[in-house]
N, C-alpha and C. Protein backbone atom coordinates (compact mmCIF):
# COMPACT_ATOMS: atom_id res chain seq x y z
N UNK A 1 0.81 -1.20 0.02
CA UNK A 1 -0.02 0.02 0.02
C UNK A 1 0.86 1.23 -0.01
N UNK A 2 0.39 2.20 -0.63
CA UNK A 2 1.08 3.43 -0.72
C UNK A 2 0.96 4.21 0.58
N UNK A 3 2.02 4.94 0.96
CA UNK A 3 2.03 5.75 2.16
C UNK A 3 1.13 6.99 1.96
N UNK A 4 0.53 7.45 2.97
CA UNK A 4 -0.31 8.70 2.94
C UNK A 4 -1.49 8.56 2.01
N UNK A 5 -2.04 7.41 1.90
CA UNK A 5 -3.15 7.19 0.99
C UNK A 5 -4.39 7.99 1.37
N UNK A 6 -4.62 8.13 2.69
CA UNK A 6 -5.82 8.90 3.18
C UNK A 6 -5.61 10.43 2.77
N UNK A 7 -4.45 10.93 2.94
CA UNK A 7 -4.28 12.36 2.60
C UNK A 7 -4.40 12.51 1.06
N UNK A 8 -3.89 11.61 0.29
CA UNK A 8 -4.03 11.71 -1.13
C UNK A 8 -5.49 11.59 -1.54
N UNK A 9 -6.20 10.64 -0.92
CA UNK A 9 -7.63 10.52 -1.25
C UNK A 9 -8.39 11.79 -0.96
N UNK A 10 -8.16 12.39 0.17
CA UNK A 10 -8.76 13.70 0.52
C UNK A 10 -8.46 14.78 -0.51
N UNK A 11 -7.18 14.82 -0.94
CA UNK A 11 -6.82 15.85 -1.92
C UNK A 11 -7.51 15.62 -3.28
N UNK A 12 -7.78 14.40 -3.55
CA UNK A 12 -8.44 14.12 -4.82
C UNK A 12 -9.96 14.13 -4.73
N UNK A 13 -10.44 14.46 -3.54
CA UNK A 13 -11.92 14.57 -3.34
C UNK A 13 -12.60 13.29 -2.99
N UNK A 14 -11.93 12.23 -2.62
CA UNK A 14 -12.57 10.97 -2.25
C UNK A 14 -12.82 10.99 -0.77
N UNK A 15 -13.80 10.21 -0.37
CA UNK A 15 -14.14 10.05 1.02
C UNK A 15 -13.10 9.18 1.72
N UNK A 16 -12.43 9.69 2.75
CA UNK A 16 -11.39 8.88 3.43
C UNK A 16 -11.97 7.70 4.19
N UNK A 17 -13.30 7.57 4.36
CA UNK A 17 -13.92 6.49 5.07
C UNK A 17 -13.61 5.13 4.34
N UNK A 18 -13.29 5.19 3.01
CA UNK A 18 -12.96 4.01 2.31
C UNK A 18 -11.65 3.33 2.83
N UNK A 19 -10.87 4.10 3.54
CA UNK A 19 -9.54 3.63 3.97
C UNK A 19 -9.46 3.44 5.50
N UNK A 20 -10.62 3.64 6.13
CA UNK A 20 -10.66 3.54 7.61
C UNK A 20 -11.44 2.29 8.00
N UNK A 21 -11.18 1.67 9.16
CA UNK A 21 -11.94 0.50 9.60
C UNK A 21 -13.42 0.87 9.76
N UNK A 22 -14.29 -0.04 9.44
CA UNK A 22 -15.73 0.17 9.69
C UNK A 22 -15.94 0.16 11.14
N UNK A 23 -16.79 1.12 11.67
CA UNK A 23 -17.10 1.09 13.10
C UNK A 23 -17.69 -0.28 13.52
N UNK A 24 -17.41 -0.70 14.70
CA UNK A 24 -17.82 -1.99 15.17
C UNK A 24 -19.29 -2.29 15.06
N UNK A 25 -20.14 -1.24 15.35
CA UNK A 25 -21.57 -1.44 15.29
C UNK A 25 -22.10 -1.60 13.88
N UNK A 26 -21.23 -1.28 12.86
CA UNK A 26 -21.69 -1.43 11.46
C UNK A 26 -20.97 -2.52 10.76
N UNK A 27 -20.15 -3.32 11.40
CA UNK A 27 -19.35 -4.33 10.73
C UNK A 27 -20.18 -5.50 10.23
N UNK A 28 -21.29 -5.78 10.93
CA UNK A 28 -22.14 -6.88 10.50
C UNK A 28 -23.48 -6.31 10.03
N UNK A 29 -23.55 -5.90 8.79
CA UNK A 29 -24.80 -5.29 8.26
C UNK A 29 -24.92 -5.68 6.81
N UNK A 30 -26.10 -5.56 6.24
CA UNK A 30 -26.37 -5.84 4.87
C UNK A 30 -26.62 -4.52 4.12
N UNK A 31 -25.98 -4.39 3.01
CA UNK A 31 -26.06 -3.20 2.24
C UNK A 31 -26.63 -3.54 0.86
N UNK A 32 -27.17 -2.52 0.15
CA UNK A 32 -27.56 -2.79 -1.19
C UNK A 32 -28.96 -3.44 -1.29
N UNK A 33 -29.13 -4.32 -2.35
CA UNK A 33 -30.41 -4.91 -2.67
C UNK A 33 -30.63 -6.30 -2.12
N UNK A 34 -29.77 -6.73 -1.24
CA UNK A 34 -29.83 -8.10 -0.75
C UNK A 34 -31.18 -8.51 -0.15
N UNK A 35 -31.67 -7.69 0.68
CA UNK A 35 -33.02 -8.04 1.34
C UNK A 35 -34.13 -8.01 0.32
N UNK A 36 -34.13 -7.00 -0.54
CA UNK A 36 -35.22 -6.91 -1.56
C UNK A 36 -35.17 -8.04 -2.60
N UNK A 37 -33.89 -8.48 -2.90
CA UNK A 37 -33.80 -9.68 -3.82
C UNK A 37 -34.27 -10.96 -3.20
N UNK A 38 -33.96 -11.13 -1.88
CA UNK A 38 -34.43 -12.29 -1.19
C UNK A 38 -35.96 -12.26 -1.11
N UNK A 39 -36.49 -11.14 -0.88
CA UNK A 39 -38.00 -11.00 -0.81
C UNK A 39 -38.60 -11.32 -2.17
N UNK A 40 -37.98 -10.86 -3.25
CA UNK A 40 -38.51 -11.09 -4.59
C UNK A 40 -38.57 -12.63 -4.92
N UNK A 41 -37.48 -13.33 -4.60
CA UNK A 41 -37.51 -14.76 -4.95
C UNK A 41 -38.42 -15.56 -4.05
N UNK A 42 -38.64 -15.06 -2.88
CA UNK A 42 -39.62 -15.75 -1.97
C UNK A 42 -41.04 -15.52 -2.56
N UNK A 43 -41.29 -14.33 -2.97
CA UNK A 43 -42.66 -13.98 -3.51
C UNK A 43 -42.90 -14.74 -4.82
N UNK A 44 -41.85 -15.03 -5.58
CA UNK A 44 -42.02 -15.79 -6.81
C UNK A 44 -42.14 -17.30 -6.61
N UNK A 45 -42.00 -17.66 -5.27
CA UNK A 45 -42.10 -19.10 -4.99
C UNK A 45 -40.92 -19.87 -5.33
N UNK A 46 -39.76 -19.24 -5.48
CA UNK A 46 -38.57 -19.95 -5.80
C UNK A 46 -37.80 -20.51 -4.61
N UNK A 47 -38.16 -19.97 -3.42
CA UNK A 47 -37.54 -20.45 -2.19
C UNK A 47 -38.67 -20.53 -1.15
N UNK A 48 -38.47 -21.30 -0.12
CA UNK A 48 -39.43 -21.51 0.95
C UNK A 48 -39.19 -20.33 2.02
N UNK A 49 -40.13 -20.22 2.93
CA UNK A 49 -40.07 -19.27 4.00
C UNK A 49 -38.82 -19.50 4.82
N UNK A 50 -38.48 -20.80 5.04
CA UNK A 50 -37.29 -21.17 5.83
C UNK A 50 -36.03 -20.71 5.18
N UNK A 51 -35.93 -20.91 3.83
CA UNK A 51 -34.78 -20.48 3.14
C UNK A 51 -34.67 -18.99 3.08
N UNK A 52 -35.76 -18.31 2.98
CA UNK A 52 -35.81 -16.84 3.04
C UNK A 52 -35.25 -16.37 4.34
N UNK A 53 -35.70 -16.96 5.44
CA UNK A 53 -35.20 -16.57 6.78
C UNK A 53 -33.77 -16.88 6.91
N UNK A 54 -33.28 -17.99 6.35
CA UNK A 54 -31.88 -18.36 6.39
C UNK A 54 -31.02 -17.31 5.61
N UNK A 55 -31.51 -16.86 4.44
CA UNK A 55 -30.82 -15.83 3.77
C UNK A 55 -30.72 -14.52 4.56
N UNK A 56 -31.84 -14.18 5.20
CA UNK A 56 -31.80 -12.95 6.05
C UNK A 56 -30.84 -13.09 7.20
N UNK A 57 -30.79 -14.24 7.84
CA UNK A 57 -29.87 -14.44 8.94
C UNK A 57 -28.43 -14.44 8.44
N UNK A 58 -28.17 -14.99 7.25
CA UNK A 58 -26.84 -14.94 6.63
C UNK A 58 -26.46 -13.53 6.35
N UNK A 59 -27.41 -12.67 6.06
CA UNK A 59 -27.20 -11.21 5.79
C UNK A 59 -27.23 -10.38 6.98
N UNK A 60 -27.13 -10.96 8.19
CA UNK A 60 -27.17 -10.21 9.44
C UNK A 60 -28.42 -9.44 9.66
N UNK A 61 -29.57 -9.94 9.23
CA UNK A 61 -30.81 -9.26 9.41
C UNK A 61 -31.70 -9.99 10.37
N UNK A 62 -31.20 -10.27 11.55
CA UNK A 62 -31.93 -10.97 12.58
C UNK A 62 -33.17 -10.17 12.98
N UNK A 63 -33.09 -8.85 12.85
CA UNK A 63 -34.29 -8.05 13.21
C UNK A 63 -35.49 -8.36 12.35
N UNK A 64 -35.27 -8.69 11.08
CA UNK A 64 -36.40 -9.03 10.21
C UNK A 64 -36.94 -10.43 10.46
N UNK A 65 -36.08 -11.30 10.86
CA UNK A 65 -36.49 -12.70 11.12
C UNK A 65 -37.22 -12.79 12.45
N UNK A 66 -36.59 -12.18 13.47
CA UNK A 66 -37.19 -12.32 14.85
C UNK A 66 -38.02 -11.14 15.32
N UNK A 67 -38.13 -10.08 14.42
CA UNK A 67 -38.94 -8.97 14.77
C UNK A 67 -38.36 -8.06 15.84
N UNK A 68 -37.09 -8.06 15.92
CA UNK A 68 -36.36 -7.24 16.96
C UNK A 68 -35.57 -6.17 16.22
N UNK A 69 -35.41 -5.07 16.91
CA UNK A 69 -34.56 -4.02 16.36
C UNK A 69 -33.55 -3.57 17.35
N UNK A 70 -33.92 -3.56 18.63
CA UNK A 70 -33.09 -3.14 19.70
C UNK A 70 -32.41 -1.78 19.49
N UNK A 71 -33.07 -0.92 18.80
CA UNK A 71 -32.61 0.46 18.55
C UNK A 71 -31.44 0.58 17.51
N UNK A 72 -31.12 -0.55 16.88
CA UNK A 72 -30.09 -0.56 15.89
C UNK A 72 -30.57 0.08 14.58
N UNK A 73 -29.72 0.82 13.99
CA UNK A 73 -30.05 1.39 12.68
C UNK A 73 -29.50 0.43 11.59
N UNK A 74 -30.34 0.17 10.63
CA UNK A 74 -29.92 -0.78 9.54
C UNK A 74 -29.70 0.06 8.26
N UNK A 75 -28.77 -0.47 7.43
CA UNK A 75 -28.41 0.24 6.24
C UNK A 75 -28.66 -0.67 5.03
N UNK A 76 -29.77 -0.38 4.33
CA UNK A 76 -30.14 -1.16 3.14
C UNK A 76 -29.99 -0.26 1.93
């Protein structure tokens, strides 16, 4: 890795967050279209409810499977 990559990224207008560790509370989260794609294939009958829940659990979405949120913010 190049030295001073964060400084260079800032100078070029990039977000330095790309080069910093993810905060611990956000390390296990699902981003993007994962949840909506799982929902779509379940609605089409391509997977069972159990497989759908398994996919959500694999995507760290326990809140959707068990109906808990515990004040956590999710990033989809």
